[in-house]
Amino acid sequence: MKAVNVEIMGLNLTVASEDGDEWVKSLAHTVDKRIREIQANSRSVNSINLAILAALNLADELEHLRKDHQKLLDDIEELNGRLSAAIDE
């Protein structure tokens, strides 16, 4: 596992990752960007509150994407069943 230095909210952090420097830096950039967006639209200046709001925002997005992904998998499975039934006829 390799250590990667990133900056989020002006803080330098060292993150251990097996996914490579660019991947970790991209994730850190996404988190930092989301925090700055929330900060621009919020009265909160407390960094902990901003980090929690960003985490909730990203978790919400992730859960929506998971649900969408599962629906697509279910739709594919249904279509596969229908195609198999049509071929068997």
N, C-alpha and C. Protein backbone atom coordinates (compact mmCIF):
# COMPACT_ATOMS: atom_id res chain seq x y z
N MET A 1 0.85 -1.17 0.00
CA MET A 1 0.00 0.00 0.00
C MET A 1 0.90 1.24 0.00
N LYS A 2 0.57 2.17 -0.84
CA LYS A 2 1.39 3.36 -1.03
C LYS A 2 0.73 4.58 -0.36
N ALA A 3 1.55 5.43 0.22
CA ALA A 3 1.07 6.66 0.83
C ALA A 3 1.01 7.77 -0.22
N VAL A 4 -0.10 8.49 -0.23
CA VAL A 4 -0.30 9.59 -1.17
C VAL A 4 -0.65 10.84 -0.38
N ASN A 5 0.02 11.94 -0.68
CA ASN A 5 -0.28 13.21 -0.03
C ASN A 5 -1.33 13.96 -0.82
N VAL A 6 -2.37 14.42 -0.12
CA VAL A 6 -3.44 15.18 -0.74
C VAL A 6 -3.76 16.39 0.14
N GLU A 7 -4.52 17.31 -0.43
CA GLU A 7 -4.95 18.49 0.33
C GLU A 7 -6.47 18.61 0.22
N ILE A 8 -7.11 18.68 1.39
CA ILE A 8 -8.55 18.88 1.46
C ILE A 8 -8.80 19.97 2.49
N MET A 9 -9.55 20.98 2.11
CA MET A 9 -9.87 22.12 2.98
C MET A 9 -8.60 22.78 3.51
N GLY A 10 -7.55 22.81 2.71
CA GLY A 10 -6.31 23.43 3.12
C GLY A 10 -5.47 22.57 4.05
N LEU A 11 -5.94 21.36 4.34
CA LEU A 11 -5.20 20.46 5.21
C LEU A 11 -4.45 19.44 4.38
N ASN A 12 -3.19 19.24 4.70
CA ASN A 12 -2.41 18.20 4.02
C ASN A 12 -2.63 16.89 4.74
N LEU A 13 -3.02 15.88 3.98
CA LEU A 13 -3.29 14.56 4.53
C LEU A 13 -2.49 13.52 3.77
N THR A 14 -2.12 12.47 4.48
CA THR A 14 -1.47 11.33 3.85
C THR A 14 -2.46 10.18 3.86
N VAL A 15 -2.73 9.66 2.68
CA VAL A 15 -3.72 8.60 2.53
C VAL A 15 -3.03 7.36 1.99
N ALA A 16 -3.30 6.22 2.61
CA ALA A 16 -2.75 4.95 2.11
C ALA A 16 -3.73 4.36 1.12
N SER A 17 -3.21 3.95 -0.04
CA SER A 17 -4.08 3.41 -1.08
C SER A 17 -3.32 2.45 -1.98
N GLU A 18 -4.05 1.48 -2.49
CA GLU A 18 -3.50 0.56 -3.48
C GLU A 18 -3.91 0.97 -4.90
N ASP A 19 -4.71 2.02 -5.00
CA ASP A 19 -5.28 2.40 -6.29
C ASP A 19 -4.46 3.43 -7.07
N GLY A 20 -3.36 3.87 -6.55
CA GLY A 20 -2.51 4.80 -7.29
C GLY A 20 -2.72 6.25 -6.92
N ASP A 21 -1.68 7.03 -7.15
CA ASP A 21 -1.67 8.44 -6.79
C ASP A 21 -2.80 9.23 -7.45
N GLU A 22 -2.94 9.06 -8.75
CA GLU A 22 -3.92 9.88 -9.49
C GLU A 22 -5.34 9.61 -9.02
N TRP A 23 -5.64 8.35 -8.72
CA TRP A 23 -6.99 8.00 -8.25
C TRP A 23 -7.27 8.69 -6.91
N VAL A 24 -6.33 8.59 -5.99
CA VAL A 24 -6.51 9.19 -4.66
C VAL A 24 -6.60 10.71 -4.77
N LYS A 25 -5.76 11.30 -5.60
CA LYS A 25 -5.80 12.76 -5.79
C LYS A 25 -7.12 13.19 -6.41
N SER A 26 -7.65 12.38 -7.31
CA SER A 26 -8.95 12.68 -7.92
C SER A 26 -10.07 12.63 -6.87
N LEU A 27 -10.03 11.62 -6.01
CA LEU A 27 -11.03 11.53 -4.94
C LEU A 27 -10.93 12.72 -3.99
N ALA A 28 -9.71 13.07 -3.62
CA ALA A 28 -9.51 14.21 -2.73
C ALA A 28 -10.02 15.50 -3.37
N HIS A 29 -9.78 15.65 -4.66
CA HIS A 29 -10.27 16.82 -5.37
C HIS A 29 -11.80 16.86 -5.35
N THR A 30 -12.43 15.71 -5.55
CA THR A 30 -13.90 15.63 -5.53
C THR A 30 -14.45 16.03 -4.16
N VAL A 31 -13.83 15.51 -3.11
CA VAL A 31 -14.27 15.84 -1.75
C VAL A 31 -14.05 17.32 -1.46
N ASP A 32 -12.90 17.84 -1.81
CA ASP A 32 -12.60 19.25 -1.57
C ASP A 32 -13.57 20.15 -2.34
N LYS A 33 -13.84 19.78 -3.58
CA LYS A 33 -14.77 20.56 -4.41
C LYS A 33 -16.17 20.56 -3.79
N ARG A 34 -16.62 19.39 -3.33
CA ARG A 34 -17.96 19.31 -2.72
C ARG A 34 -18.03 20.14 -1.46
N ILE A 35 -16.99 20.11 -0.65
CA ILE A 35 -16.96 20.92 0.58
C ILE A 35 -17.02 22.40 0.22
N ARG A 36 -16.27 22.82 -0.77
CA ARG A 36 -16.26 24.24 -1.17
C ARG A 36 -17.63 24.66 -1.73
N GLU A 37 -18.31 23.77 -2.45
CA GLU A 37 -19.65 24.07 -2.94
C GLU A 37 -20.62 24.26 -1.78
N ILE A 38 -20.55 23.38 -0.81
CA ILE A 38 -21.42 23.49 0.36
C ILE A 38 -21.09 24.75 1.14
N GLN A 39 -19.82 25.03 1.29
CA GLN A 39 -19.38 26.22 2.02
C GLN A 39 -19.89 27.49 1.34
N ALA A 40 -19.90 27.50 0.01
CA ALA A 40 -20.36 28.68 -0.73
C ALA A 40 -21.86 28.89 -0.57
N ASN A 41 -22.59 27.80 -0.32
CA ASN A 41 -24.05 27.88 -0.21
C ASN A 41 -24.55 27.73 1.22
N SER A 42 -23.66 27.85 2.18
CA SER A 42 -24.02 27.61 3.57
C SER A 42 -23.44 28.70 4.45
N ARG A 43 -24.04 28.85 5.60
CA ARG A 43 -23.51 29.82 6.56
C ARG A 43 -22.49 29.17 7.49
N SER A 44 -22.43 27.86 7.43
CA SER A 44 -21.54 27.13 8.33
C SER A 44 -20.08 27.38 7.95
N VAL A 45 -19.29 27.70 8.93
CA VAL A 45 -17.86 27.88 8.71
C VAL A 45 -17.07 26.83 9.49
N ASN A 46 -17.76 26.05 10.28
CA ASN A 46 -17.13 25.00 11.06
C ASN A 46 -16.69 23.89 10.11
N SER A 47 -15.41 23.59 10.10
CA SER A 47 -14.88 22.61 9.16
C SER A 47 -15.45 21.22 9.39
N ILE A 48 -15.73 20.88 10.63
CA ILE A 48 -16.32 19.56 10.91
C ILE A 48 -17.72 19.48 10.31
N ASN A 49 -18.50 20.53 10.49
CA ASN A 49 -19.85 20.54 9.91
C ASN A 49 -19.80 20.45 8.38
N LEU A 50 -18.88 21.18 7.78
CA LEU A 50 -18.73 21.14 6.33
C LEU A 50 -18.36 19.74 5.86
N ALA A 51 -17.44 19.09 6.57
CA ALA A 51 -17.01 17.74 6.20
C ALA A 51 -18.16 16.76 6.35
N ILE A 52 -18.95 16.89 7.41
CA ILE A 52 -20.10 16.00 7.61
C ILE A 52 -21.14 16.23 6.53
N LEU A 53 -21.42 17.48 6.21
CA LEU A 53 -22.40 17.77 5.15
C LEU A 53 -21.93 17.23 3.81
N ALA A 54 -20.64 17.36 3.53
CA ALA A 54 -20.10 16.82 2.28
C ALA A 54 -20.21 15.30 2.27
N ALA A 55 -19.92 14.67 3.40
CA ALA A 55 -20.03 13.20 3.49
C ALA A 55 -21.47 12.77 3.27
N LEU A 56 -22.42 13.45 3.88
CA LEU A 56 -23.84 13.12 3.68
C LEU A 56 -24.25 13.33 2.23
N ASN A 57 -23.77 14.40 1.64
CA ASN A 57 -24.09 14.70 0.25
C ASN A 57 -23.55 13.61 -0.67
N LEU A 58 -22.31 13.22 -0.47
CA LEU A 58 -21.70 12.16 -1.29
C LEU A 58 -22.35 10.81 -1.02
N ALA A 59 -22.72 10.53 0.23
CA ALA A 59 -23.39 9.27 0.56
C ALA A 59 -24.76 9.21 -0.12
N ASP A 60 -25.47 10.33 -0.14
CA ASP A 60 -26.77 10.40 -0.82
C ASP A 60 -26.61 10.10 -2.31
N GLU A 61 -25.63 10.72 -2.92
CA GLU A 61 -25.36 10.49 -4.33
C GLU A 61 -25.01 9.03 -4.59
N LEU A 62 -24.17 8.46 -3.74
CA LEU A 62 -23.77 7.06 -3.87
C LEU A 62 -24.97 6.13 -3.76
N GLU A 63 -25.84 6.35 -2.80
CA GLU A 63 -27.01 5.48 -2.62
C GLU A 63 -27.96 5.58 -3.80
N HIS A 64 -28.14 6.78 -4.35
CA HIS A 64 -28.97 6.91 -5.55
C HIS A 64 -28.36 6.14 -6.72
N LEU A 65 -27.05 6.24 -6.87
CA LEU A 65 -26.37 5.51 -7.94
C LEU A 65 -26.47 4.01 -7.74
N ARG A 66 -26.37 3.55 -6.50
CA ARG A 66 -26.52 2.11 -6.21
C ARG A 66 -27.91 1.62 -6.58
N LYS A 67 -28.92 2.40 -6.22
CA LYS A 67 -30.30 2.03 -6.56
C LYS A 67 -30.49 2.01 -8.07
N ASP A 68 -29.98 3.02 -8.75
CA ASP A 68 -30.08 3.06 -10.22
C ASP A 68 -29.36 1.87 -10.85
N HIS A 69 -28.20 1.53 -10.32
CA HIS A 69 -27.43 0.40 -10.82
C HIS A 69 -28.21 -0.90 -10.64
N GLN A 70 -28.78 -1.08 -9.45
CA GLN A 70 -29.55 -2.30 -9.20
C GLN A 70 -30.77 -2.38 -10.11
N LYS A 71 -31.43 -1.25 -10.34
CA LYS A 71 -32.58 -1.25 -11.25
C LYS A 71 -32.15 -1.64 -12.66
N LEU A 72 -31.02 -1.12 -13.11
CA LEU A 72 -30.52 -1.51 -14.43
C LEU A 72 -30.21 -3.00 -14.49
N LEU A 73 -29.60 -3.54 -13.44
CA LEU A 73 -29.32 -4.97 -13.41
C LEU A 73 -30.61 -5.78 -13.44
N ASP A 74 -31.61 -5.34 -12.69
CA ASP A 74 -32.91 -6.02 -12.68
C ASP A 74 -33.56 -5.96 -14.05
N ASP A 75 -33.49 -4.78 -14.69
CA ASP A 75 -34.07 -4.63 -16.03
C ASP A 75 -33.37 -5.53 -17.04
N ILE A 76 -32.05 -5.62 -16.94
CA ILE A 76 -31.29 -6.49 -17.85
C ILE A 76 -31.68 -7.95 -17.62
N GLU A 77 -31.80 -8.34 -16.37
CA GLU A 77 -32.19 -9.72 -16.06
C GLU A 77 -33.57 -10.03 -16.61
N GLU A 78 -34.50 -9.10 -16.48
CA GLU A 78 -35.85 -9.29 -17.01
C GLU A 78 -35.82 -9.40 -18.53
N LEU A 79 -35.09 -8.51 -19.18
CA LEU A 79 -34.99 -8.56 -20.64
C LEU A 79 -34.32 -9.85 -21.11
N ASN A 80 -33.32 -10.28 -20.38
CA ASN A 80 -32.64 -11.53 -20.71
C ASN A 80 -33.61 -12.71 -20.63
N GLY A 81 -34.43 -12.72 -19.59
CA GLY A 81 -35.44 -13.77 -19.46
C GLY A 81 -36.45 -13.75 -20.59
N ARG A 82 -36.88 -12.55 -20.96
CA ARG A 82 -37.84 -12.42 -22.06
C ARG A 82 -37.22 -12.85 -23.38
N LEU A 83 -35.97 -12.47 -23.60
CA LEU A 83 -35.29 -12.87 -24.85
C LEU A 83 -35.09 -14.40 -24.89
N SER A 84 -34.70 -14.98 -23.77
CA SER A 84 -34.52 -16.43 -23.71
C SER A 84 -35.84 -17.15 -23.99
N ALA A 85 -36.93 -16.63 -23.43
CA ALA A 85 -38.24 -17.24 -23.65
C ALA A 85 -38.65 -17.10 -25.12
N ALA A 86 -38.34 -15.94 -25.71
CA ALA A 86 -38.70 -15.73 -27.13
C ALA A 86 -37.88 -16.65 -28.03
N ILE A 87 -36.63 -16.86 -27.70
CA ILE A 87 -35.77 -17.74 -28.50
C ILE A 87 -36.24 -19.19 -28.38
N ASP A 88 -36.66 -19.57 -27.18
CA ASP A 88 -37.10 -20.95 -26.95
C ASP A 88 -38.43 -21.26 -27.65
N GLU A 89 -39.20 -20.26 -27.97
CA GLU A 89 -40.50 -20.50 -28.61
C GLU A 89 -40.39 -20.94 -30.01
